[in-house]
Amino acid sequence: MSVDAVLFDFSGTLFRLEHDPDWLTDLTDHDGDPLDVEAQTELLRRMTAPVTLTVDLDDEHRHAWEHRDLDPALHRKVYLEVLRQSGVPGVEQAKALYRRLVDPSEWTPYPDAGPALGALTGRGVSVGVLSNIAFDIRPAFAAHGLDTHVDEFVLSYEVGAIKPDPAVFRLLLDRLDAAPERTLMVGDSAEADGGARRLGCAFAQVEPLPTAERTDGLLAALREHAVL
């Protein structure tokens, strides 16, 4: 297949919110005791890989969870509740942690994100970023000089649709003027990102490992599909 366009997911694909133990230095549990190592590890996992729901939510917060990537207010509401149930009873502490999650400057690009995007630009391949997310990620790309390699961003909270809805993939394809049969989607979720296959796009899955452990996953995916 000749590829004219490549679509990328954001979290766990091009960038990752890396663990920083300093975020939890002064945190205490419901009894006022410092969080132990196990509790800190689980809390960081829920912050940086928040895909699977790991707490019990009432109907109000369940609705917020299901629609979190469509509305920044709902996103904030449900993650503050997740943090509370995860051992962070202090409202101000939870808010401080949440601000880290939605701060683009806290996100780290994978080592080969720049080389991969640059190589695509150099070959005249259109590049789009498609993310289920509730905050603007463009500053993260700009901070690392990667914004010049992205032709279009489609963010769920801006367009009112989330992956794997075919409509959100179609929107980005239309903006890029790209044919699905000549497009590759790269992402870390076979369910969400793999939804592009329903339109006829090819799909390459990468693992959402820490950035130090996945140094060439993007380049390998592009080579596997003969884009590079």
C-alpha atoms as a PDB file:
ATOM      1  CA  MET A   1       0.000   0.000   0.000  1.00  0.00           C
ATOM      2  CA  SER A   2       1.274   3.438  -0.926  1.00  0.00           C
ATOM      3  CA  VAL A   3       0.706   5.789   2.035  1.00  0.00           C
ATOM      4  CA  ASP A   4      -0.084   9.457   1.463  1.00  0.00           C
ATOM      5  CA  ALA A   5      -1.155  10.305   5.030  1.00  0.00           C
ATOM      6  CA  VAL A   6      -0.387   9.098   8.558  1.00  0.00           C
ATOM      7  CA  LEU A   7      -2.661   9.721  11.534  1.00  0.00           C
ATOM      8  CA  PHE A   8      -1.235   9.548  15.041  1.00  0.00           C
ATOM      9  CA  ASP A   9      -2.757   9.176  18.469  1.00  0.00           C
ATOM     10  CA  PHE A  10      -1.258  11.439  21.169  1.00  0.00           C
ATOM     11  CA  SER A  11      -1.046   9.827  24.620  1.00  0.00           C
ATOM     12  CA  GLY A  12       1.016   6.639  24.671  1.00  0.00           C
ATOM     13  CA  THR A  13       1.860   7.076  21.000  1.00  0.00           C
ATOM     14  CA  LEU A  14       3.651  10.355  20.294  1.00  0.00           C
ATOM     15  CA  PHE A  15       3.852  11.646  23.885  1.00  0.00           C
ATOM     16  CA  ARG A  16       3.591  10.252  27.401  1.00  0.00           C
ATOM     17  CA  LEU A  17       2.939  11.769  30.799  1.00  0.00           C
ATOM     18  CA  GLU A  18       5.951  10.397  32.642  1.00  0.00           C
ATOM     19  CA  HIS A  19       5.965   9.451  36.309  1.00  0.00           C
ATOM     20  CA  ASP A  20       7.511  12.079  38.560  1.00  0.00           C
ATOM     21  CA  PRO A  21       7.782  10.970  42.225  1.00  0.00           C
ATOM     22  CA  ASP A  22       8.191  14.621  43.278  1.00  0.00           C
ATOM     23  CA  TRP A  23       4.485  15.145  42.549  1.00  0.00           C
ATOM     24  CA  LEU A  24       3.634  12.888  45.508  1.00  0.00           C
ATOM     25  CA  THR A  25       6.229  13.993  48.040  1.00  0.00           C
ATOM     26  CA  ASP A  26       3.833  15.733  50.416  1.00  0.00           C
ATOM     27  CA  LEU A  27       0.712  13.664  49.811  1.00  0.00           C
ATOM     28  CA  THR A  28      -1.048  12.036  52.753  1.00  0.00           C
ATOM     29  CA  ASP A  29      -3.865   9.507  52.925  1.00  0.00           C
ATOM     30  CA  HIS A  30      -7.248   9.781  54.623  1.00  0.00           C
ATOM     31  CA  ASP A  31      -5.572   9.206  58.025  1.00  0.00           C
ATOM     32  CA  GLY A  32      -2.969  11.905  57.437  1.00  0.00           C
ATOM     33  CA  ASP A  33      -0.142   9.404  56.870  1.00  0.00           C
ATOM     34  CA  PRO A  34       2.265   9.660  53.908  1.00  0.00           C
ATOM     35  CA  LEU A  35       1.323   7.449  50.974  1.00  0.00           C
ATOM     36  CA  ASP A  36       3.395   4.266  50.911  1.00  0.00           C
ATOM     37  CA  VAL A  37       5.334   3.236  47.808  1.00  0.00           C
ATOM     38  CA  GLU A  38       2.607   0.873  46.607  1.00  0.00           C
ATOM     39  CA  ALA A  39      -0.056   3.555  46.908  1.00  0.00           C
ATOM     40  CA  GLN A  40       2.134   6.104  45.118  1.00  0.00           C
ATOM     41  CA  THR A  41       2.812   3.652  42.287  1.00  0.00           C
ATOM     42  CA  GLU A  42      -0.884   2.928  41.786  1.00  0.00           C
ATOM     43  CA  LEU A  43      -1.788   6.608  41.922  1.00  0.00           C
ATOM     44  CA  LEU A  44       0.765   7.468  39.271  1.00  0.00           C
ATOM     45  CA  ARG A  45      -0.496   4.627  37.106  1.00  0.00           C
ATOM     46  CA  ARG A  46      -4.044   5.945  37.284  1.00  0.00           C
ATOM     47  CA  MET A  47      -2.845   9.430  36.364  1.00  0.00           C
ATOM     48  CA  THR A  48      -0.576   8.469  33.495  1.00  0.00           C
ATOM     49  CA  ALA A  49      -2.478   5.541  31.998  1.00  0.00           C
ATOM     50  CA  PRO A  50      -6.097   6.488  32.746  1.00  0.00           C
ATOM     51  CA  VAL A  51      -7.835   4.181  30.301  1.00  0.00           C
ATOM     52  CA  THR A  52      -9.393   1.528  32.524  1.00  0.00           C
ATOM     53  CA  LEU A  53     -11.767   2.651  35.250  1.00  0.00           C
ATOM     54  CA  THR A  54     -10.451   1.332  38.573  1.00  0.00           C
ATOM     55  CA  VAL A  55     -12.836   2.952  41.074  1.00  0.00           C
ATOM     56  CA  ASP A  56     -16.565   2.718  41.775  1.00  0.00           C
ATOM     57  CA  LEU A  57     -18.484   5.772  40.587  1.00  0.00           C
ATOM     58  CA  ASP A  58     -22.021   6.919  41.232  1.00  0.00           C
ATOM     59  CA  ASP A  59     -24.275   7.650  38.272  1.00  0.00           C
ATOM     60  CA  GLU A  60     -23.258  11.315  38.135  1.00  0.00           C
ATOM     61  CA  HIS A  61     -19.550  10.570  37.998  1.00  0.00           C
ATOM     62  CA  ARG A  62     -20.091   7.564  35.704  1.00  0.00           C
ATOM     63  CA  HIS A  63     -21.688   9.923  33.192  1.00  0.00           C
ATOM     64  CA  ALA A  64     -18.729  12.275  33.580  1.00  0.00           C
ATOM     65  CA  TRP A  65     -16.309   9.379  32.983  1.00  0.00           C
ATOM     66  CA  GLU A  66     -18.080   8.261  29.839  1.00  0.00           C
ATOM     67  CA  HIS A  67     -18.093  11.801  28.423  1.00  0.00           C
ATOM     68  CA  ARG A  68     -14.817  13.084  29.890  1.00  0.00           C
ATOM     69  CA  ASP A  69     -13.067  13.516  26.550  1.00  0.00           C
ATOM     70  CA  LEU A  70     -15.910  15.610  25.184  1.00  0.00           C
ATOM     71  CA  ASP A  71     -16.097  18.200  27.950  1.00  0.00           C
ATOM     72  CA  PRO A  72     -13.172  19.680  29.952  1.00  0.00           C
ATOM     73  CA  ALA A  73     -15.462  20.331  32.924  1.00  0.00           C
ATOM     74  CA  LEU A  74     -16.574  16.703  33.064  1.00  0.00           C
ATOM     75  CA  HIS A  75     -12.962  15.556  32.637  1.00  0.00           C
ATOM     76  CA  ARG A  76     -11.862  17.620  35.631  1.00  0.00           C
ATOM     77  CA  LYS A  77     -14.830  16.532  37.705  1.00  0.00           C
ATOM     78  CA  VAL A  78     -14.330  12.806  37.255  1.00  0.00           C
ATOM     79  CA  TYR A  79     -10.550  12.807  37.643  1.00  0.00           C
ATOM     80  CA  LEU A  80     -10.766  14.736  40.890  1.00  0.00           C
ATOM     81  CA  GLU A  81     -13.147  12.005  42.073  1.00  0.00           C
ATOM     82  CA  VAL A  82     -10.790   9.263  40.844  1.00  0.00           C
ATOM     83  CA  LEU A  83      -7.922  10.915  42.713  1.00  0.00           C
ATOM     84  CA  ARG A  84     -10.045  11.214  45.856  1.00  0.00           C
ATOM     85  CA  GLN A  85     -10.894   7.511  45.727  1.00  0.00           C
ATOM     86  CA  SER A  86      -7.268   6.683  44.969  1.00  0.00           C
ATOM     87  CA  GLY A  87      -6.005   8.016  48.289  1.00  0.00           C
ATOM     88  CA  VAL A  88      -5.801  11.785  47.786  1.00  0.00           C
ATOM     89  CA  PRO A  89      -8.437  13.204  50.155  1.00  0.00           C
ATOM     90  CA  GLY A  90      -7.134  16.772  50.089  1.00  0.00           C
ATOM     91  CA  VAL A  91      -8.999  18.809  47.500  1.00  0.00           C
ATOM     92  CA  GLU A  92      -6.105  21.178  46.864  1.00  0.00           C
ATOM     93  CA  GLN A  93      -3.668  18.271  46.535  1.00  0.00           C
ATOM     94  CA  ALA A  94      -5.962  16.587  44.025  1.00  0.00           C
ATOM     95  CA  LYS A  95      -6.329  19.809  42.066  1.00  0.00           C
ATOM     96  CA  ALA A  96      -2.548  20.233  41.943  1.00  0.00           C
ATOM     97  CA  LEU A  97      -2.119  16.707  40.599  1.00  0.00           C
ATOM     98  CA  TYR A  98      -4.877  17.217  38.058  1.00  0.00           C
ATOM     99  CA  ARG A  99      -3.178  20.373  36.789  1.00  0.00           C
ATOM    100  CA  ARG A 100      -0.127  18.237  36.033  1.00  0.00           C
ATOM    101  CA  LEU A 101      -2.240  15.861  33.982  1.00  0.00           C
ATOM    102  CA  VAL A 102      -3.660  18.588  31.733  1.00  0.00           C
ATOM    103  CA  ASP A 103      -0.506  20.709  31.482  1.00  0.00           C
ATOM    104  CA  PRO A 104       1.000  20.157  27.996  1.00  0.00           C
ATOM    105  CA  SER A 105       4.452  21.098  29.296  1.00  0.00           C
ATOM    106  CA  GLU A 106       4.445  18.013  31.550  1.00  0.00           C
ATOM    107  CA  TRP A 107       4.173  15.633  28.588  1.00  0.00           C
ATOM    108  CA  THR A 108       7.296  14.048  27.107  1.00  0.00           C
ATOM    109  CA  PRO A 109       7.657  13.099  23.427  1.00  0.00           C
ATOM    110  CA  TYR A 110       8.901   9.628  22.603  1.00  0.00           C
ATOM    111  CA  PRO A 111      12.555   9.689  21.473  1.00  0.00           C
ATOM    112  CA  ASP A 112      11.677   8.951  17.852  1.00  0.00           C
ATOM    113  CA  ALA A 113       8.661  11.258  17.616  1.00  0.00           C
ATOM    114  CA  GLY A 114      10.712  14.060  16.089  1.00  0.00           C
ATOM    115  CA  PRO A 115      12.607  11.849  13.632  1.00  0.00           C
ATOM    116  CA  ALA A 116       9.412  10.058  12.583  1.00  0.00           C
ATOM    117  CA  LEU A 117       7.385  13.225  12.020  1.00  0.00           C
ATOM    118  CA  GLY A 118      10.308  14.926  10.305  1.00  0.00           C
ATOM    119  CA  ALA A 119      10.832  12.004   7.977  1.00  0.00           C
ATOM    120  CA  LEU A 120       7.175  12.041   6.954  1.00  0.00           C
ATOM    121  CA  THR A 121       7.291  15.761   6.266  1.00  0.00           C
ATOM    122  CA  GLY A 122      10.425  15.274   4.199  1.00  0.00           C
ATOM    123  CA  ARG A 123       8.638  12.688   2.065  1.00  0.00           C
ATOM    124  CA  GLY A 124       5.588  14.847   1.514  1.00  0.00           C
ATOM    125  CA  VAL A 125       3.337  12.607   3.609  1.00  0.00           C
ATOM    126  CA  SER A 126       0.445  14.417   5.301  1.00  0.00           C
ATOM    127  CA  VAL A 127       0.360  14.130   9.096  1.00  0.00           C
ATOM    128  CA  GLY A 128      -2.647  14.363  11.372  1.00  0.00           C
ATOM    129  CA  VAL A 129      -3.006  13.963  15.141  1.00  0.00           C
ATOM    130  CA  LEU A 130      -6.260  12.499  16.430  1.00  0.00           C
ATOM    131  CA  SER A 131      -6.788  12.330  20.193  1.00  0.00           C
ATOM    132  CA  ASN A 132      -9.528  11.543  22.673  1.00  0.00           C
ATOM    133  CA  ILE A 133      -8.614  14.340  25.063  1.00  0.00           C
ATOM    134  CA  ALA A 134     -10.103  17.259  26.977  1.00  0.00           C
ATOM    135  CA  PHE A 135      -7.324  19.846  26.719  1.00  0.00           C
ATOM    136  CA  ASP A 136      -5.296  21.510  23.987  1.00  0.00           C
ATOM    137  CA  ILE A 137      -2.173  19.474  23.209  1.00  0.00           C
ATOM    138  CA  ARG A 138      -0.813  21.791  20.518  1.00  0.00           C
ATOM    139  CA  PRO A 139       1.503  23.603  22.992  1.00  0.00           C
ATOM    140  CA  ALA A 140       3.235  20.282  23.742  1.00  0.00           C
ATOM    141  CA  PHE A 141       4.155  19.945  20.075  1.00  0.00           C
ATOM    142  CA  ALA A 142       5.199  23.586  19.808  1.00  0.00           C
ATOM    143  CA  ALA A 143       7.434  23.313  22.879  1.00  0.00           C
ATOM    144  CA  HIS A 144       9.456  20.590  21.163  1.00  0.00           C
ATOM    145  CA  GLY A 145       9.386  22.068  17.664  1.00  0.00           C
ATOM    146  CA  LEU A 146       7.099  19.308  16.396  1.00  0.00           C
ATOM    147  CA  ASP A 147       4.095  21.442  15.473  1.00  0.00           C
ATOM    148  CA  THR A 148       5.586  22.278  12.084  1.00  0.00           C
ATOM    149  CA  HIS A 149       5.315  18.590  11.144  1.00  0.00           C
ATOM    150  CA  VAL A 150       1.584  18.296  11.885  1.00  0.00           C
ATOM    151  CA  ASP A 151      -0.871  19.400   9.215  1.00  0.00           C
ATOM    152  CA  GLU A 152      -4.066  18.961  11.237  1.00  0.00           C
ATOM    153  CA  PHE A 153      -5.137  18.312  14.836  1.00  0.00           C
ATOM    154  CA  VAL A 154      -8.522  16.780  15.627  1.00  0.00           C
ATOM    155  CA  LEU A 155      -9.232  16.759  19.367  1.00  0.00           C
ATOM    156  CA  SER A 156     -12.362  15.088  20.697  1.00  0.00           C
ATOM    157  CA  TYR A 157     -13.429  17.914  22.992  1.00  0.00           C
ATOM    158  CA  GLU A 158     -13.257  20.381  20.087  1.00  0.00           C
ATOM    159  CA  VAL A 159     -15.226  18.319  17.560  1.00  0.00           C
ATOM    160  CA  GLY A 160     -17.699  16.478  19.796  1.00  0.00           C
ATOM    161  CA  ALA A 161     -16.736  12.938  18.807  1.00  0.00           C
ATOM    162  CA  ILE A 162     -14.354  10.297  20.118  1.00  0.00           C
ATOM    163  CA  LYS A 163     -12.528   7.326  18.694  1.00  0.00           C
ATOM    164  CA  PRO A 164     -13.517   4.713  17.585  1.00  0.00           C
ATOM    165  CA  ASP A 165     -16.448   6.618  16.062  1.00  0.00           C
ATOM    166  CA  PRO A 166     -15.798   6.502  12.302  1.00  0.00           C
ATOM    167  CA  ALA A 167     -16.981  10.107  12.043  1.00  0.00           C
ATOM    168  CA  VAL A 168     -13.945  11.458  13.863  1.00  0.00           C
ATOM    169  CA  PHE A 169     -11.548   9.589  11.584  1.00  0.00           C
ATOM    170  CA  ARG A 170     -13.491  10.763   8.553  1.00  0.00           C
ATOM    171  CA  LEU A 171     -13.250  14.359   9.755  1.00  0.00           C
ATOM    172  CA  LEU A 172      -9.460  14.206   9.905  1.00  0.00           C
ATOM    173  CA  LEU A 173      -9.220  12.419   6.570  1.00  0.00           C
ATOM    174  CA  ASP A 174     -11.352  15.116   4.983  1.00  0.00           C
ATOM    175  CA  ARG A 175      -9.224  17.882   6.481  1.00  0.00           C
ATOM    176  CA  LEU A 176      -6.110  16.216   5.078  1.00  0.00           C
ATOM    177  CA  ASP A 177      -7.846  15.445   1.771  1.00  0.00           C
ATOM    178  CA  ALA A 178      -6.643  11.868   2.275  1.00  0.00           C
ATOM    179  CA  ALA A 179      -8.116   8.628   1.001  1.00  0.00           C
ATOM    180  CA  PRO A 180      -8.537   5.988   3.752  1.00  0.00           C
ATOM    181  CA  GLU A 181      -7.060   3.231   1.603  1.00  0.00           C
ATOM    182  CA  ARG A 182      -3.847   5.287   1.373  1.00  0.00           C
ATOM    183  CA  THR A 183      -3.754   6.238   5.071  1.00  0.00           C
ATOM    184  CA  LEU A 184      -2.070   4.649   8.085  1.00  0.00           C
ATOM    185  CA  MET A 185      -3.313   5.141  11.659  1.00  0.00           C
ATOM    186  CA  VAL A 186      -0.716   4.711  14.421  1.00  0.00           C
ATOM    187  CA  GLY A 187      -1.869   4.350  18.019  1.00  0.00           C
ATOM    188  CA  ASP A 188      -1.598   2.377  21.235  1.00  0.00           C
ATOM    189  CA  SER A 189      -5.224   1.172  21.410  1.00  0.00           C
ATOM    190  CA  ALA A 190      -6.514  -1.519  19.074  1.00  0.00           C
ATOM    191  CA  GLU A 191     -10.056  -0.660  20.131  1.00  0.00           C
ATOM    192  CA  ALA A 192      -9.976   3.145  19.848  1.00  0.00           C
ATOM    193  CA  ASP A 193      -7.263   3.824  17.269  1.00  0.00           C
ATOM    194  CA  GLY A 194      -7.936   0.603  15.420  1.00  0.00           C
ATOM    195  CA  GLY A 195     -11.377   1.980  14.609  1.00  0.00           C
ATOM    196  CA  ALA A 196      -9.759   3.591  11.572  1.00  0.00           C
ATOM    197  CA  ARG A 197      -9.791   0.170   9.923  1.00  0.00           C
ATOM    198  CA  ARG A 198     -13.567   0.420   9.589  1.00  0.00           C
ATOM    199  CA  LEU A 199     -13.001   3.140   7.002  1.00  0.00           C
ATOM    200  CA  GLY A 200     -10.324   1.182   5.181  1.00  0.00           C
ATOM    201  CA  CYS A 201      -7.212   2.659   6.784  1.00  0.00           C
ATOM    202  CA  ALA A 202      -4.258   0.493   7.738  1.00  0.00           C
ATOM    203  CA  PHE A 203      -3.437   0.346  11.457  1.00  0.00           C
ATOM    204  CA  ALA A 204      -0.151   0.017  13.347  1.00  0.00           C
ATOM    205  CA  GLN A 205      -0.175  -0.513  17.117  1.00  0.00           C
ATOM    206  CA  VAL A 206       2.579   0.686  19.441  1.00  0.00           C
ATOM    207  CA  GLU A 207       2.975  -0.094  23.137  1.00  0.00           C
ATOM    208  CA  PRO A 208       2.457   2.828  25.578  1.00  0.00           C
ATOM    209  CA  LEU A 209       5.699   2.092  27.426  1.00  0.00           C
ATOM    210  CA  PRO A 210       7.768   4.692  29.303  1.00  0.00           C
ATOM    211  CA  THR A 211       9.661   6.853  26.834  1.00  0.00           C
ATOM    212  CA  ALA A 212      13.025   5.461  27.971  1.00  0.00           C
ATOM    213  CA  GLU A 213      11.872   1.926  27.149  1.00  0.00           C
ATOM    214  CA  ARG A 214      10.400   2.600  23.694  1.00  0.00           C
ATOM    215  CA  THR A 215      12.979   4.410  21.640  1.00  0.00           C
ATOM    216  CA  ASP A 216      12.047   3.447  18.073  1.00  0.00           C
ATOM    217  CA  GLY A 217       8.473   2.160  18.153  1.00  0.00           C
ATOM    218  CA  LEU A 218       7.151   4.846  15.822  1.00  0.00           C
ATOM    219  CA  LEU A 219       9.914   4.435  13.276  1.00  0.00           C
ATOM    220  CA  ALA A 220       9.477   0.651  13.389  1.00  0.00           C
ATOM    221  CA  ALA A 221       5.745   0.981  12.756  1.00  0.00           C
ATOM    222  CA  LEU A 222       6.287   3.264   9.790  1.00  0.00           C
ATOM    223  CA  ARG A 223       8.942   0.956   8.324  1.00  0.00           C
ATOM    224  CA  GLU A 224       6.702  -2.084   8.838  1.00  0.00           C
ATOM    225  CA  HIS A 225       4.085  -0.414   6.660  1.00  0.00           C
ATOM    226  CA  ALA A 226       6.664   0.721   4.108  1.00  0.00           C
ATOM    227  CA  VAL A 227       6.059   4.419   4.791  1.00  0.00           C
ATOM    228  CA  LEU A 228       9.778   5.014   5.429  1.00  0.00           C
END
